[in-house]
């Protein structure tokens, strides 16, 4: 009899322990679900936009259509709802409070202002490309991302949208050029000053001088370099006083943001950011640029850490 009582008491204790464990796990689950929700009200307040929460994904997305511009694609007026919406989505991050990703719809003359604002506020710009052919005025789509506090990220997104809106209000008609002096038809760039700056002898063709630097990588186990298209290059045309620089820069993912920021600070226009390959190691991102000025001053301005490698032919390759 005594043994049976003790057995029942032990069984009750085990059952009670199991109930406590289940209750504890339930509380933890509820807390995790609560903590996975982003501060949506704060995002609405800071961005001035009303977003929508995807509870399953734990992400909150704000968006707005570019109703302020009229765009024709192949001669047809495209509705803003049909792919002309800027958006930013927020979610909880692992190493900080939040993460944001987004896509910003921009007219051609808004791109470099928008990129400068995004980079200066601490966001990263991860792609810049078109979505249409034969669109007038031309549209570009700039992808952003960032990590930090909800306040900082939402405020940065708001600043980006506000600056673009202010610019468009001040300039209702989209520009169709960089509004710089007309370039001469015949190029007469003096090579020697640029050769000294780049510490390399550029290739000259009809007054145009071009510098190319390889950036070794591997693809499918094969080493690829400059001839296979993994390179940074800059070409100068026009005259020494009225020059243009055009080029492509091959960088690793970690170097993309500082490289873009440096060029924008130097007044160089970024015209495309994209990949050229798949499966390469390390991953290489390419961005194309266009700048105007005197020839020596048109040279892209890079951070010192890049300059030591990017244009140092003693290292035989671009290591940016």
Protein backbone atom coordinates (compact mmCIF):
# COMPACT_ATOMS: atom_id res chain seq x y z
CA UNK A 1 0.00 0.00 0.00
CA UNK A 2 2.77 2.44 1.02
CA UNK A 3 4.64 1.58 -2.19
CA UNK A 4 1.58 2.38 -4.29
CA UNK A 5 1.19 5.79 -2.62
CA UNK A 6 4.82 6.62 -3.27
CA UNK A 7 4.51 5.55 -6.89
CA UNK A 8 1.45 7.81 -7.33
CA UNK A 9 3.29 10.71 -5.70
CA UNK A 10 6.29 10.23 -8.00
CA UNK A 11 4.00 10.01 -11.01
CA UNK A 12 2.24 13.25 -9.98
CA UNK A 13 5.60 15.00 -9.57
CA UNK A 14 6.71 13.91 -13.03
CA UNK A 15 3.41 15.05 -14.53
CA UNK A 16 3.75 18.41 -12.80
CA UNK A 17 7.31 18.79 -14.11
CA UNK A 18 6.14 18.01 -17.61
CA UNK A 19 3.35 20.62 -17.36
CA UNK A 20 5.86 23.23 -16.17
CA UNK A 21 8.16 22.41 -19.09
CA UNK A 22 5.28 22.69 -21.58
CA UNK A 23 4.19 26.00 -20.04
CA UNK A 24 7.77 27.30 -20.17
CA UNK A 25 8.15 26.33 -23.84
CA UNK A 26 4.82 27.99 -24.61
CA UNK A 27 5.94 31.22 -22.94
CA UNK A 28 9.26 31.16 -24.82
CA UNK A 29 7.42 30.61 -28.11
CA UNK A 30 5.11 33.54 -27.42
CA UNK A 31 8.02 35.79 -26.47
CA UNK A 32 9.96 34.81 -29.59
CA UNK A 33 6.94 35.47 -31.76
CA UNK A 34 6.49 38.86 -30.12
CA UNK A 35 10.17 39.80 -30.46
CA UNK A 36 10.13 38.78 -34.14
CA UNK A 37 7.67 41.57 -34.91
CA UNK A 38 9.23 44.80 -36.10
CA UNK A 39 8.11 48.17 -34.69
CA UNK A 40 5.62 48.90 -37.45
CA UNK A 41 4.13 52.03 -35.91
CA UNK A 42 7.58 53.57 -35.61
CA UNK A 43 8.32 52.79 -39.26
CA UNK A 44 5.04 54.39 -40.35
CA UNK A 45 5.77 57.50 -38.31
CA UNK A 46 9.36 57.92 -39.51
CA UNK A 47 8.75 57.19 -43.19
CA UNK A 48 5.41 58.92 -43.46
CA UNK A 49 4.01 55.86 -45.22
CA UNK A 50 1.55 53.20 -44.10
CA UNK A 51 3.04 49.74 -44.52
CA UNK A 52 1.79 46.18 -44.52
CA UNK A 53 2.95 43.40 -42.22
CA UNK A 54 3.60 39.88 -43.49
CA UNK A 55 3.23 37.97 -40.23
CA UNK A 56 4.43 34.70 -41.73
CA UNK A 57 7.72 36.26 -42.89
CA UNK A 58 8.03 38.71 -40.02
CA UNK A 59 8.61 41.54 -42.51
CA UNK A 60 6.99 44.96 -42.81
CA UNK A 61 6.88 46.66 -46.21
CA UNK A 62 6.18 50.26 -47.14
CA UNK A 63 5.74 51.37 -50.74
CA UNK A 64 4.47 54.14 -52.95
CA UNK A 65 3.89 54.46 -56.68
CA UNK A 66 5.66 57.18 -58.69
CA UNK A 67 2.44 58.97 -59.57
CA UNK A 68 4.44 62.19 -59.84
CA UNK A 69 5.98 61.23 -63.19
CA UNK A 70 4.51 60.28 -66.56
CA UNK A 71 6.39 57.48 -68.28
CA UNK A 72 5.82 55.97 -71.72
CA UNK A 73 7.09 52.50 -72.61
CA UNK A 74 7.14 51.75 -76.32
CA UNK A 75 4.86 54.73 -76.85
CA UNK A 76 2.31 53.61 -74.23
CA UNK A 77 1.66 55.47 -70.99
CA UNK A 78 2.40 52.92 -68.31
CA UNK A 79 0.31 52.96 -65.11
CA UNK A 80 2.43 53.66 -62.02
CA UNK A 81 0.99 50.53 -60.39
CA UNK A 82 2.55 48.48 -63.18
CA UNK A 83 6.08 48.31 -61.80
CA UNK A 84 6.78 51.96 -60.92
CA UNK A 85 6.62 51.55 -57.14
CA UNK A 86 9.45 52.31 -54.73
CA UNK A 87 9.49 50.07 -51.67
CA UNK A 88 11.43 49.25 -48.52
CA UNK A 89 10.93 46.18 -46.32
CA UNK A 90 12.04 45.87 -42.70
CA UNK A 91 12.66 42.77 -40.61
CA UNK A 92 14.48 41.76 -37.44
CA UNK A 93 18.22 41.30 -37.90
CA UNK A 94 20.67 38.89 -36.30
CA UNK A 95 23.52 41.28 -35.50
CA UNK A 96 21.50 44.46 -35.02
CA UNK A 97 17.95 45.55 -34.30
CA UNK A 98 16.70 45.54 -37.86
CA UNK A 99 17.51 45.08 -41.53
CA UNK A 100 16.06 46.91 -44.52
CA UNK A 101 15.99 46.02 -48.20
CA UNK A 102 14.34 47.96 -50.97
CA UNK A 103 14.07 49.10 -54.57
CA UNK A 104 13.79 52.77 -55.54
CA UNK A 105 12.28 53.92 -58.84
CA UNK A 106 14.29 56.83 -60.26
CA UNK A 107 14.40 58.95 -63.34
CA UNK A 108 17.80 59.15 -65.00
CA UNK A 109 18.65 62.56 -63.55
CA UNK A 110 17.66 61.47 -60.01
CA UNK A 111 19.97 58.46 -59.77
CA UNK A 112 23.21 59.96 -58.55
CA UNK A 113 21.55 62.32 -56.09
CA UNK A 114 19.63 59.38 -54.65
CA UNK A 115 22.75 57.22 -54.48
CA UNK A 116 24.71 59.96 -52.72
CA UNK A 117 21.96 60.43 -50.12
CA UNK A 118 21.65 56.68 -49.51
CA UNK A 119 25.39 56.15 -49.10
CA UNK A 120 25.86 59.21 -46.90
CA UNK A 121 23.08 58.04 -44.58
CA UNK A 122 24.74 54.65 -44.10
CA UNK A 123 22.69 52.53 -46.49
CA UNK A 124 24.31 50.28 -49.08
CA UNK A 125 23.44 50.42 -52.77
CA UNK A 126 23.55 46.89 -54.17
CA UNK A 127 22.28 47.21 -57.74
CA UNK A 128 21.36 49.79 -60.35
CA UNK A 129 19.67 48.76 -63.58
CA UNK A 130 16.76 49.25 -65.94
CA UNK A 131 13.50 47.28 -66.16
CA UNK A 132 12.29 48.47 -69.54
CA UNK A 133 13.32 49.14 -73.12
CA UNK A 134 12.15 52.24 -75.01
CA UNK A 135 10.96 54.02 -71.87
CA UNK A 136 10.65 57.82 -71.93
CA UNK A 137 11.86 59.39 -69.75
CA UNK A 138 14.30 56.62 -68.86
CA UNK A 139 13.78 54.84 -65.57
CA UNK A 140 16.34 53.16 -63.34
CA UNK A 141 15.88 50.97 -60.30
CA UNK A 142 18.27 51.32 -57.37
CA UNK A 143 18.37 48.57 -54.78
CA UNK A 144 19.31 49.38 -51.20
CA UNK A 145 19.98 47.49 -48.00
CA UNK A 146 21.17 48.25 -44.49
CA UNK A 147 21.35 47.11 -40.88
CA UNK A 148 20.96 49.07 -37.67
CA UNK A 149 18.22 50.49 -35.49
CA UNK A 150 14.69 50.84 -36.81
CA UNK A 151 14.94 54.58 -36.21
CA UNK A 152 18.11 54.98 -38.27
CA UNK A 153 16.98 52.77 -41.15
CA UNK A 154 13.49 54.22 -41.44
CA UNK A 155 14.84 57.78 -41.17
CA UNK A 156 17.41 57.04 -43.89
CA UNK A 157 14.75 55.69 -46.22
CA UNK A 158 12.58 58.75 -45.54
CA UNK A 159 15.51 61.07 -46.31
CA UNK A 160 16.16 59.26 -49.59
CA UNK A 161 12.53 59.58 -50.68
CA UNK A 162 12.30 63.20 -49.55
CA UNK A 163 15.41 64.33 -51.40
CA UNK A 164 14.25 62.73 -54.64
CA UNK A 165 10.81 64.31 -54.23
CA UNK A 166 12.35 67.73 -53.54
CA UNK A 167 14.57 67.47 -56.61
CA UNK A 168 11.69 66.45 -58.89
CA UNK A 169 9.51 69.26 -57.56
CA UNK A 170 12.27 71.78 -58.25
CA UNK A 171 12.95 70.29 -61.71
CA UNK A 172 9.61 69.08 -63.14
CA UNK A 173 11.12 68.28 -66.54
CA UNK A 174 13.63 65.43 -66.54
CA UNK A 175 17.07 66.38 -67.86
CA UNK A 176 18.25 64.64 -71.02
CA UNK A 177 21.99 65.22 -70.43
CA UNK A 178 24.56 65.84 -67.70
CA UNK A 179 24.31 69.56 -68.57
CA UNK A 180 28.07 69.84 -69.16
CA UNK A 181 29.95 71.62 -71.99
CA UNK A 182 29.88 69.83 -75.33
CA UNK A 183 32.82 67.48 -75.80
CA UNK A 184 35.14 67.98 -78.80
CA UNK A 185 34.59 65.66 -81.76
CA UNK A 186 38.29 64.83 -81.90
CA UNK A 187 40.06 63.67 -78.71
CA UNK A 188 43.48 65.04 -77.84
CA UNK A 189 44.19 63.68 -74.37
CA UNK A 190 47.82 64.04 -73.26
CA UNK A 191 48.89 60.61 -72.05
CA UNK A 192 51.94 61.39 -69.88
CA UNK A 193 50.15 63.01 -66.86
CA UNK A 194 47.70 60.12 -66.68
CA UNK A 195 50.44 57.52 -67.09
CA UNK A 196 52.13 59.02 -64.02
CA UNK A 197 48.92 59.10 -62.01
CA UNK A 198 48.12 55.46 -62.77
CA UNK A 199 51.78 54.36 -62.73
CA UNK A 200 51.15 52.55 -65.97
CA UNK A 201 51.32 53.19 -69.71
CA UNK A 202 47.80 53.42 -71.03
CA UNK A 203 46.68 52.20 -74.44
CA UNK A 204 46.22 55.14 -76.83
CA UNK A 205 43.85 55.17 -79.81
CA UNK A 206 43.00 58.34 -81.75
CA UNK A 207 43.53 60.64 -78.79
CA UNK A 208 41.71 58.39 -76.30
CA UNK A 209 43.73 56.73 -73.52
CA UNK A 210 42.60 53.63 -71.65
CA UNK A 211 43.96 51.86 -68.58
CA UNK A 212 42.98 48.28 -67.72
CA UNK A 213 43.83 46.27 -64.60
CA UNK A 214 42.93 42.64 -64.02
CA UNK A 215 41.28 41.32 -60.89
CA UNK A 216 41.96 37.54 -60.60
CA UNK A 217 39.12 35.28 -59.50
CA UNK A 218 38.07 31.67 -59.92
CA UNK A 219 35.07 30.28 -61.73
CA UNK A 220 34.27 26.57 -61.81
CA UNK A 221 37.76 25.98 -60.42
CA UNK A 222 39.42 27.89 -63.28
CA UNK A 223 41.48 31.04 -62.67
CA UNK A 224 40.08 33.95 -64.66
CA UNK A 225 41.63 37.39 -65.04
CA UNK A 226 41.66 40.51 -67.18
CA UNK A 227 41.38 38.87 -70.62
CA UNK A 228 38.37 36.85 -69.45
CA UNK A 229 36.64 40.09 -68.47
CA UNK A 230 37.47 40.41 -64.78
CA UNK A 231 39.03 43.84 -64.79
CA UNK A 232 38.79 47.45 -63.80
CA UNK A 233 39.29 50.00 -66.57
CA UNK A 234 39.12 53.73 -67.20
CA UNK A 235 39.12 55.49 -70.58
CA UNK A 236 39.68 59.24 -71.08
CA UNK A 237 38.51 61.21 -74.12
CA UNK A 238 37.95 64.84 -75.14
CA UNK A 239 40.64 67.40 -74.40
CA UNK A 240 42.85 67.92 -71.37
CA UNK A 241 40.61 70.80 -70.20
CA UNK A 242 37.27 69.31 -71.23
CA UNK A 243 37.47 65.57 -70.70
CA UNK A 244 35.23 62.62 -70.00
CA UNK A 245 36.13 59.42 -68.15
CA UNK A 246 34.18 56.23 -68.73
CA UNK A 247 34.86 52.92 -67.06
CA UNK A 248 33.98 49.75 -65.25
CA UNK A 249 35.13 48.78 -61.79
CA UNK A 250 35.36 45.17 -60.55
CA UNK A 251 35.06 44.91 -56.77
CA UNK A 252 34.27 42.35 -54.11
CA UNK A 253 30.97 42.62 -52.25
CA UNK A 254 32.64 44.11 -49.18
CA UNK A 255 34.36 46.80 -51.23
CA UNK A 256 31.32 47.87 -53.23
CA UNK A 257 29.89 50.40 -50.79
CA UNK A 258 33.15 52.28 -50.01
CA UNK A 259 34.07 52.35 -53.70
CA UNK A 260 30.69 53.78 -54.70
CA UNK A 261 30.79 56.31 -51.88
CA UNK A 262 34.26 57.47 -52.89
CA UNK A 263 33.33 58.00 -56.52
CA UNK A 264 30.13 59.87 -55.69
CA UNK A 265 32.07 62.14 -53.31
CA UNK A 266 34.41 62.89 -56.23
CA UNK A 267 31.47 63.80 -58.46
CA UNK A 268 31.72 60.69 -60.64
CA UNK A 269 28.34 59.43 -61.87
CA UNK A 270 27.46 55.77 -61.33
CA UNK A 271 25.44 54.47 -64.28
CA UNK A 272 25.07 50.74 -63.57
CA UNK A 273 25.74 48.18 -60.81
CA UNK A 274 25.38 44.50 -61.60
CA UNK A 275 27.09 41.12 -61.90
CA UNK A 276 28.77 39.76 -65.03
CA UNK A 277 29.14 36.15 -63.90
CA UNK A 278 27.64 33.45 -61.69
CA UNK A 279 29.54 31.05 -59.43
CA UNK A 280 32.77 33.06 -59.28
CA UNK A 281 34.98 33.13 -56.17
CA UNK A 282 35.15 35.63 -54.64
CA UNK A 283 31.91 37.14 -55.88
CA UNK A 284 32.68 40.13 -58.10
CA UNK A 285 30.34 43.07 -58.57
CA UNK A 286 30.81 45.44 -61.50
CA UNK A 287 29.82 49.07 -61.57
CA UNK A 288 30.09 51.42 -64.53
CA UNK A 289 30.79 55.11 -64.21
CA UNK A 290 30.95 58.37 -66.19
CA UNK A 291 32.59 61.62 -65.14
CA UNK A 292 33.41 65.04 -66.59
CA UNK A 293 36.18 67.56 -65.90
CA UNK A 294 39.81 68.16 -66.80
CA UNK A 295 41.65 64.95 -67.66
CA UNK A 296 43.85 64.69 -64.52
CA UNK A 297 40.88 65.57 -62.30
CA UNK A 298 38.54 63.14 -64.03
CA UNK A 299 40.44 60.22 -62.63
CA UNK A 300 38.16 58.31 -60.25
CA UNK A 301 38.98 59.07 -56.62
CA UNK A 302 39.29 55.90 -54.58
CA UNK A 303 39.99 55.35 -50.90
CA UNK A 304 43.70 55.01 -50.11
CA UNK A 305 43.29 51.32 -49.34
CA UNK A 306 41.99 50.77 -52.90
CA UNK A 307 44.48 53.08 -54.58
CA UNK A 308 47.43 51.11 -53.23
CA UNK A 309 46.20 48.09 -55.18
CA UNK A 310 43.71 49.16 -57.82
CA UNK A 311 46.10 51.11 -60.01
CA UNK A 312 49.42 49.66 -58.80
CA UNK A 313 50.72 47.78 -61.80
CA UNK A 314 53.59 46.55 -59.66
CA UNK A 315 51.02 44.14 -58.28
CA UNK A 316 49.94 43.31 -61.85
CA UNK A 317 46.25 43.34 -61.03
CA UNK A 318 43.40 45.30 -59.52
CA UNK A 319 42.98 44.06 -55.96
CA UNK A 320 40.04 46.22 -55.01
